[in-house]
Amino acid sequence: MGGGLLLLYLGIRSFRAEPAETAVSTSNVQGVARDYGSTFLLTITNPVTIIAFVGIFTGLGVGVSGKYTDAAVLVGGVFLGSAFWWLALSAGVSRFRSRFTRSVMRRVNQLAGAVIVGFGLLAIWGTL
């Protein structure tokens, strides 16, 4: 029930949130490197990511056979796939950036807030 209430709170906050006035520019190399590093550390320390990799490595028998090249290939493939995905996503956002006006972003906030509130209500309903 507590998770549902938290989702309700976050959904209402998202629904009522005003879009940012201007985007923060990180055009310098140091800012981009810092942003990349913090995002990488946040992602790599995500418990779900760690558990998923442990499960995949266990399923493939990595560590038992002593062949760590399989693990390196798997991690490299995930890294390259993720890098390609973020490159494509960033290029798409950059291409259509001018179409995301304040009113469009307000509607996105409202839609996201409504979806989160819906999940909160489902979570509360499930506990009753």
N, C-alpha and C. Protein backbone atom coordinates (compact mmCIF):
# COMPACT_ATOMS: atom_id res chain seq x y z
N MET A 1 0.83 -1.19 0.00
CA MET A 1 0.00 0.00 0.00
C MET A 1 0.88 1.26 0.00
N GLY A 2 2.00 1.18 0.72
CA GLY A 2 2.90 2.33 0.77
C GLY A 2 3.46 2.68 -0.60
N GLY A 3 3.79 1.62 -1.39
CA GLY A 3 4.30 1.87 -2.74
C GLY A 3 3.25 2.53 -3.62
N GLY A 4 2.01 2.11 -3.46
CA GLY A 4 0.92 2.72 -4.22
C GLY A 4 0.71 4.18 -3.87
N LEU A 5 0.80 4.48 -2.59
CA LEU A 5 0.67 5.87 -2.15
C LEU A 5 1.83 6.72 -2.68
N LEU A 6 3.03 6.14 -2.68
CA LEU A 6 4.18 6.86 -3.24
C LEU A 6 3.97 7.12 -4.72
N LEU A 7 3.46 6.13 -5.45
CA LEU A 7 3.19 6.34 -6.87
C LEU A 7 2.12 7.41 -7.08
N LEU A 8 1.10 7.42 -6.25
CA LEU A 8 0.08 8.47 -6.35
C LEU A 8 0.71 9.85 -6.17
N TYR A 9 1.54 9.98 -5.15
CA TYR A 9 2.21 11.26 -4.88
C TYR A 9 3.07 11.68 -6.07
N LEU A 10 3.90 10.74 -6.57
CA LEU A 10 4.79 11.07 -7.69
C LEU A 10 3.99 11.39 -8.95
N GLY A 11 2.89 10.66 -9.17
CA GLY A 11 2.06 10.93 -10.34
C GLY A 11 1.41 12.30 -10.30
N ILE A 12 0.91 12.67 -9.14
CA ILE A 12 0.30 14.00 -9.00
C ILE A 12 1.34 15.08 -9.19
N ARG A 13 2.53 14.87 -8.62
CA ARG A 13 3.62 15.86 -8.80
C ARG A 13 4.01 15.98 -10.27
N SER A 14 4.09 14.83 -10.96
CA SER A 14 4.43 14.87 -12.39
C SER A 14 3.34 15.55 -13.20
N PHE A 15 2.08 15.27 -12.88
CA PHE A 15 0.96 15.85 -13.60
C PHE A 15 0.96 17.37 -13.47
N ARG A 16 1.29 17.86 -12.29
CA ARG A 16 1.25 19.30 -12.03
C ARG A 16 2.55 20.02 -12.38
N ALA A 17 3.61 19.29 -12.71
CA ALA A 17 4.92 19.89 -12.95
C ALA A 17 4.93 20.73 -14.22
N GLU A 18 5.58 21.87 -14.10
CA GLU A 18 5.78 22.74 -15.25
C GLU A 18 7.09 22.35 -15.94
N PRO A 19 7.12 22.38 -17.26
CA PRO A 19 8.36 22.05 -17.97
C PRO A 19 9.46 23.06 -17.64
N ALA A 20 10.70 22.62 -17.76
CA ALA A 20 11.84 23.51 -17.51
C ALA A 20 11.84 24.63 -18.54
N GLU A 21 12.30 25.78 -18.11
CA GLU A 21 12.36 26.94 -19.02
C GLU A 21 13.34 26.70 -20.17
N THR A 22 14.55 26.32 -19.83
CA THR A 22 15.58 26.07 -20.84
C THR A 22 16.32 24.80 -20.47
N ALA A 23 16.84 24.17 -21.48
CA ALA A 23 17.63 22.96 -21.25
C ALA A 23 19.00 23.34 -20.73
N VAL A 24 19.54 22.50 -19.89
CA VAL A 24 20.89 22.71 -19.38
C VAL A 24 21.86 22.26 -20.45
N SER A 25 22.79 23.11 -20.79
CA SER A 25 23.75 22.79 -21.84
C SER A 25 25.02 22.20 -21.24
N THR A 26 25.40 21.05 -21.76
CA THR A 26 26.67 20.45 -21.35
C THR A 26 27.52 20.30 -22.60
N SER A 27 27.83 21.43 -23.22
CA SER A 27 28.55 21.38 -24.48
C SER A 27 30.04 21.18 -24.27
N ASN A 28 30.56 21.41 -23.07
CA ASN A 28 31.98 21.22 -22.88
C ASN A 28 32.30 19.75 -22.62
N VAL A 29 33.50 19.36 -22.96
CA VAL A 29 33.91 17.96 -22.86
C VAL A 29 33.91 17.49 -21.41
N GLN A 30 34.35 18.34 -20.50
CA GLN A 30 34.40 17.94 -19.09
C GLN A 30 33.00 17.66 -18.55
N GLY A 31 32.03 18.48 -18.90
CA GLY A 31 30.65 18.27 -18.46
C GLY A 31 30.06 17.00 -19.03
N VAL A 32 30.34 16.72 -20.29
CA VAL A 32 29.83 15.51 -20.92
C VAL A 32 30.47 14.28 -20.27
N ALA A 33 31.77 14.32 -20.02
CA ALA A 33 32.47 13.20 -19.39
C ALA A 33 31.94 12.96 -17.98
N ARG A 34 31.69 14.02 -17.24
CA ARG A 34 31.14 13.89 -15.89
C ARG A 34 29.74 13.28 -15.93
N ASP A 35 28.91 13.75 -16.86
CA ASP A 35 27.56 13.20 -17.00
C ASP A 35 27.60 11.73 -17.40
N TYR A 36 28.48 11.39 -18.34
CA TYR A 36 28.61 10.00 -18.76
C TYR A 36 29.06 9.12 -17.60
N GLY A 37 30.07 9.58 -16.86
CA GLY A 37 30.59 8.81 -15.74
C GLY A 37 29.56 8.58 -14.66
N SER A 38 28.81 9.61 -14.31
CA SER A 38 27.80 9.45 -13.26
C SER A 38 26.67 8.53 -13.72
N THR A 39 26.28 8.63 -14.98
CA THR A 39 25.24 7.75 -15.51
C THR A 39 25.73 6.31 -15.57
N PHE A 40 26.98 6.12 -15.97
CA PHE A 40 27.56 4.77 -16.03
C PHE A 40 27.60 4.15 -14.64
N LEU A 41 28.07 4.90 -13.65
CA LEU A 41 28.14 4.36 -12.29
C LEU A 41 26.74 4.06 -11.74
N LEU A 42 25.79 4.92 -12.02
CA LEU A 42 24.43 4.69 -11.57
C LEU A 42 23.86 3.42 -12.19
N THR A 43 24.12 3.21 -13.46
CA THR A 43 23.60 2.04 -14.16
C THR A 43 24.29 0.76 -13.70
N ILE A 44 25.60 0.79 -13.59
CA ILE A 44 26.34 -0.43 -13.27
C ILE A 44 26.12 -0.88 -11.83
N THR A 45 25.73 0.05 -10.95
CA THR A 45 25.47 -0.32 -9.56
C THR A 45 24.00 -0.60 -9.29
N ASN A 46 23.19 -0.60 -10.33
CA ASN A 46 21.77 -0.92 -10.20
C ASN A 46 21.65 -2.40 -9.80
N PRO A 47 20.99 -2.69 -8.69
CA PRO A 47 20.88 -4.10 -8.26
C PRO A 47 20.24 -5.01 -9.30
N VAL A 48 19.29 -4.51 -10.07
CA VAL A 48 18.65 -5.35 -11.09
C VAL A 48 19.67 -5.72 -12.16
N THR A 49 20.53 -4.77 -12.54
CA THR A 49 21.57 -5.05 -13.53
C THR A 49 22.53 -6.11 -13.01
N ILE A 50 22.95 -5.97 -11.77
CA ILE A 50 23.89 -6.93 -11.18
C ILE A 50 23.27 -8.32 -11.13
N ILE A 51 22.03 -8.41 -10.64
CA ILE A 51 21.36 -9.71 -10.54
C ILE A 51 21.15 -10.32 -11.93
N ALA A 52 20.81 -9.50 -12.92
CA ALA A 52 20.61 -10.01 -14.28
C ALA A 52 21.91 -10.59 -14.83
N PHE A 53 23.02 -9.88 -14.65
CA PHE A 53 24.30 -10.39 -15.15
C PHE A 53 24.72 -11.65 -14.41
N VAL A 54 24.50 -11.71 -13.10
CA VAL A 54 24.82 -12.92 -12.35
C VAL A 54 24.00 -14.09 -12.87
N GLY A 55 22.73 -13.87 -13.13
CA GLY A 55 21.87 -14.92 -13.67
C GLY A 55 22.31 -15.38 -15.04
N ILE A 56 22.65 -14.43 -15.90
CA ILE A 56 23.09 -14.78 -17.26
C ILE A 56 24.41 -15.53 -17.21
N PHE A 57 25.36 -15.04 -16.41
CA PHE A 57 26.66 -15.71 -16.30
C PHE A 57 26.50 -17.12 -15.73
N THR A 58 25.62 -17.27 -14.75
CA THR A 58 25.38 -18.59 -14.18
C THR A 58 24.75 -19.52 -15.20
N GLY A 59 23.78 -19.02 -15.94
CA GLY A 59 23.12 -19.83 -16.96
C GLY A 59 24.06 -20.27 -18.06
N LEU A 60 25.03 -19.42 -18.38
CA LEU A 60 26.00 -19.78 -19.42
C LEU A 60 27.15 -20.62 -18.88
N GLY A 61 27.21 -20.77 -17.57
CA GLY A 61 28.28 -21.56 -16.98
C GLY A 61 29.60 -20.82 -16.89
N VAL A 62 29.56 -19.49 -16.97
CA VAL A 62 30.78 -18.70 -16.89
C VAL A 62 31.33 -18.82 -15.47
N GLY A 63 32.60 -19.06 -15.35
CA GLY A 63 33.22 -19.23 -14.03
C GLY A 63 33.44 -20.69 -13.70
N VAL A 64 32.55 -21.54 -14.15
CA VAL A 64 32.70 -22.98 -13.91
C VAL A 64 33.70 -23.56 -14.90
N SER A 65 33.57 -23.13 -16.15
CA SER A 65 34.44 -23.67 -17.19
C SER A 65 35.81 -23.00 -17.20
N GLY A 66 35.90 -21.83 -16.59
CA GLY A 66 37.17 -21.11 -16.60
C GLY A 66 37.38 -20.30 -17.86
N LYS A 67 36.40 -20.30 -18.77
CA LYS A 67 36.50 -19.51 -20.00
C LYS A 67 35.80 -18.17 -19.78
N TYR A 68 36.59 -17.16 -19.56
CA TYR A 68 36.02 -15.84 -19.31
C TYR A 68 35.85 -15.03 -20.58
N THR A 69 36.23 -15.60 -21.73
CA THR A 69 36.00 -14.88 -22.98
C THR A 69 34.51 -14.78 -23.28
N ASP A 70 33.74 -15.79 -22.89
CA ASP A 70 32.29 -15.73 -23.09
C ASP A 70 31.69 -14.55 -22.33
N ALA A 71 32.16 -14.36 -21.11
CA ALA A 71 31.68 -13.23 -20.30
C ALA A 71 32.08 -11.91 -20.93
N ALA A 72 33.30 -11.82 -21.42
CA ALA A 72 33.76 -10.58 -22.04
C ALA A 72 32.97 -10.27 -23.30
N VAL A 73 32.68 -11.29 -24.09
CA VAL A 73 31.89 -11.08 -25.31
C VAL A 73 30.48 -10.64 -24.95
N LEU A 74 29.89 -11.25 -23.93
CA LEU A 74 28.54 -10.88 -23.50
C LEU A 74 28.50 -9.43 -23.02
N VAL A 75 29.42 -9.08 -22.15
CA VAL A 75 29.46 -7.71 -21.63
C VAL A 75 29.73 -6.71 -22.75
N GLY A 76 30.65 -7.05 -23.65
CA GLY A 76 30.94 -6.17 -24.78
C GLY A 76 29.73 -5.99 -25.69
N GLY A 77 29.00 -7.09 -25.92
CA GLY A 77 27.80 -7.00 -26.76
C GLY A 77 26.73 -6.13 -26.12
N VAL A 78 26.54 -6.30 -24.82
CA VAL A 78 25.56 -5.46 -24.11
C VAL A 78 26.00 -4.00 -24.16
N PHE A 79 27.29 -3.75 -23.95
CA PHE A 79 27.80 -2.38 -23.99
C PHE A 79 27.59 -1.75 -25.36
N LEU A 80 27.97 -2.47 -26.42
CA LEU A 80 27.82 -1.92 -27.77
C LEU A 80 26.35 -1.72 -28.14
N GLY A 81 25.51 -2.66 -27.76
CA GLY A 81 24.08 -2.51 -28.02
C GLY A 81 23.49 -1.31 -27.30
N SER A 82 23.88 -1.14 -26.03
CA SER A 82 23.39 0.00 -25.26
C SER A 82 23.91 1.31 -25.83
N ALA A 83 25.19 1.32 -26.21
CA ALA A 83 25.77 2.54 -26.79
C ALA A 83 25.06 2.91 -28.09
N PHE A 84 24.78 1.91 -28.92
CA PHE A 84 24.07 2.18 -30.17
C PHE A 84 22.66 2.71 -29.90
N TRP A 85 21.97 2.10 -28.93
CA TRP A 85 20.62 2.54 -28.59
C TRP A 85 20.63 4.00 -28.15
N TRP A 86 21.55 4.36 -27.25
CA TRP A 86 21.58 5.73 -26.76
C TRP A 86 22.02 6.71 -27.85
N LEU A 87 22.88 6.28 -28.76
CA LEU A 87 23.26 7.13 -29.88
C LEU A 87 22.05 7.39 -30.78
N ALA A 88 21.28 6.33 -31.09
CA ALA A 88 20.08 6.49 -31.93
C ALA A 88 19.04 7.35 -31.22
N LEU A 89 18.84 7.11 -29.93
CA LEU A 89 17.87 7.88 -29.18
C LEU A 89 18.26 9.36 -29.10
N SER A 90 19.52 9.63 -28.84
CA SER A 90 20.00 11.02 -28.77
C SER A 90 19.88 11.71 -30.12
N ALA A 91 20.22 11.00 -31.18
CA ALA A 91 20.10 11.59 -32.52
C ALA A 91 18.65 11.90 -32.84
N GLY A 92 17.73 11.01 -32.48
CA GLY A 92 16.31 11.25 -32.72
C GLY A 92 15.80 12.44 -31.94
N VAL A 93 16.18 12.53 -30.68
CA VAL A 93 15.75 13.67 -29.85
C VAL A 93 16.32 14.97 -30.41
N SER A 94 17.59 14.94 -30.82
CA SER A 94 18.21 16.14 -31.38
C SER A 94 17.49 16.57 -32.66
N ARG A 95 17.11 15.61 -33.47
CA ARG A 95 16.44 15.93 -34.74
C ARG A 95 15.08 16.56 -34.53
N PHE A 96 14.32 16.09 -33.55
CA PHE A 96 12.96 16.57 -33.34
C PHE A 96 12.83 17.53 -32.17
N ARG A 97 13.94 18.03 -31.69
CA ARG A 97 13.96 18.89 -30.49
C ARG A 97 13.10 20.14 -30.65
N SER A 98 13.10 20.72 -31.82
CA SER A 98 12.35 21.97 -32.02
C SER A 98 10.84 21.75 -31.92
N ARG A 99 10.37 20.52 -32.10
CA ARG A 99 8.94 20.24 -32.03
C ARG A 99 8.44 20.10 -30.59
N PHE A 100 9.36 19.96 -29.65
CA PHE A 100 8.97 19.80 -28.25
C PHE A 100 8.85 21.17 -27.59
N THR A 101 7.71 21.81 -27.82
CA THR A 101 7.46 23.12 -27.23
C THR A 101 7.06 22.94 -25.77
N ARG A 102 6.92 24.06 -25.08
CA ARG A 102 6.50 24.01 -23.67
C ARG A 102 5.14 23.35 -23.51
N SER A 103 4.22 23.64 -24.40
CA SER A 103 2.88 23.04 -24.28
C SER A 103 2.93 21.54 -24.52
N VAL A 104 3.75 21.10 -25.46
CA VAL A 104 3.90 19.66 -25.70
C VAL A 104 4.50 18.99 -24.48
N MET A 105 5.52 19.60 -23.90
CA MET A 105 6.16 19.02 -22.71
C MET A 105 5.21 19.01 -21.52
N ARG A 106 4.35 20.02 -21.43
CA ARG A 106 3.35 20.03 -20.35
C ARG A 106 2.40 18.85 -20.52
N ARG A 107 2.00 18.59 -21.76
CA ARG A 107 1.13 17.43 -22.01
C ARG A 107 1.84 16.11 -21.73
N VAL A 108 3.11 16.04 -22.04
CA VAL A 108 3.88 14.83 -21.73
C VAL A 108 3.92 14.62 -20.22
N ASN A 109 4.17 15.71 -19.47
CA ASN A 109 4.15 15.62 -18.00
C ASN A 109 2.79 15.14 -17.49
N GLN A 110 1.72 15.67 -18.08
CA GLN A 110 0.38 15.28 -17.63
C GLN A 110 0.08 13.82 -17.97
N LEU A 111 0.48 13.39 -19.16
CA LEU A 111 0.27 12.00 -19.54
C LEU A 111 1.07 11.05 -18.63
N ALA A 112 2.33 11.40 -18.40
CA ALA A 112 3.17 10.56 -17.53
C ALA A 112 2.58 10.53 -16.12
N GLY A 113 2.15 11.68 -15.62
CA GLY A 113 1.55 11.74 -14.29
C GLY A 113 0.30 10.89 -14.20
N ALA A 114 -0.55 10.95 -15.23
CA ALA A 114 -1.78 10.15 -15.22
C ALA A 114 -1.47 8.66 -15.23
N VAL A 115 -0.47 8.25 -16.01
CA VAL A 115 -0.09 6.83 -16.06
C VAL A 115 0.44 6.38 -14.70
N ILE A 116 1.29 7.21 -14.07
CA ILE A 116 1.85 6.86 -12.76
C ILE A 116 0.74 6.78 -11.71
N VAL A 117 -0.21 7.72 -11.75
CA VAL A 117 -1.35 7.67 -10.83
C VAL A 117 -2.14 6.39 -11.05
N GLY A 118 -2.33 6.01 -12.31
CA GLY A 118 -3.03 4.77 -12.61
C GLY A 118 -2.35 3.56 -12.01
N PHE A 119 -1.03 3.50 -12.13
CA PHE A 119 -0.29 2.39 -11.52
C PHE A 119 -0.38 2.44 -10.00
N GLY A 120 -0.38 3.64 -9.44
CA GLY A 120 -0.55 3.77 -8.00
C GLY A 120 -1.90 3.24 -7.54
N LEU A 121 -2.95 3.59 -8.28
CA LEU A 121 -4.29 3.09 -7.94
C LEU A 121 -4.37 1.57 -8.08
N LEU A 122 -3.72 1.02 -9.12
CA LEU A 122 -3.69 -0.44 -9.27
C LEU A 122 -2.95 -1.10 -8.11
N ALA A 123 -1.87 -0.48 -7.68
CA ALA A 123 -1.10 -1.05 -6.57
C ALA A 123 -1.94 -1.01 -5.28
N ILE A 124 -2.64 0.07 -5.06
CA ILE A 124 -3.49 0.18 -3.86
C ILE A 124 -4.64 -0.81 -3.97
N TRP A 125 -5.25 -0.92 -5.14
CA TRP A 125 -6.37 -1.85 -5.35
C TRP A 125 -5.92 -3.29 -5.08
N GLY A 126 -4.70 -3.61 -5.50
CA GLY A 126 -4.18 -4.96 -5.32
C GLY A 126 -3.97 -5.33 -3.85
N THR A 127 -3.81 -4.34 -2.99
CA THR A 127 -3.59 -4.64 -1.57
C THR A 127 -4.90 -4.76 -0.80
N LEU A 128 -6.00 -4.34 -1.40
CA LEU A 128 -7.30 -4.38 -0.69
C LEU A 128 -7.92 -5.76 -0.71
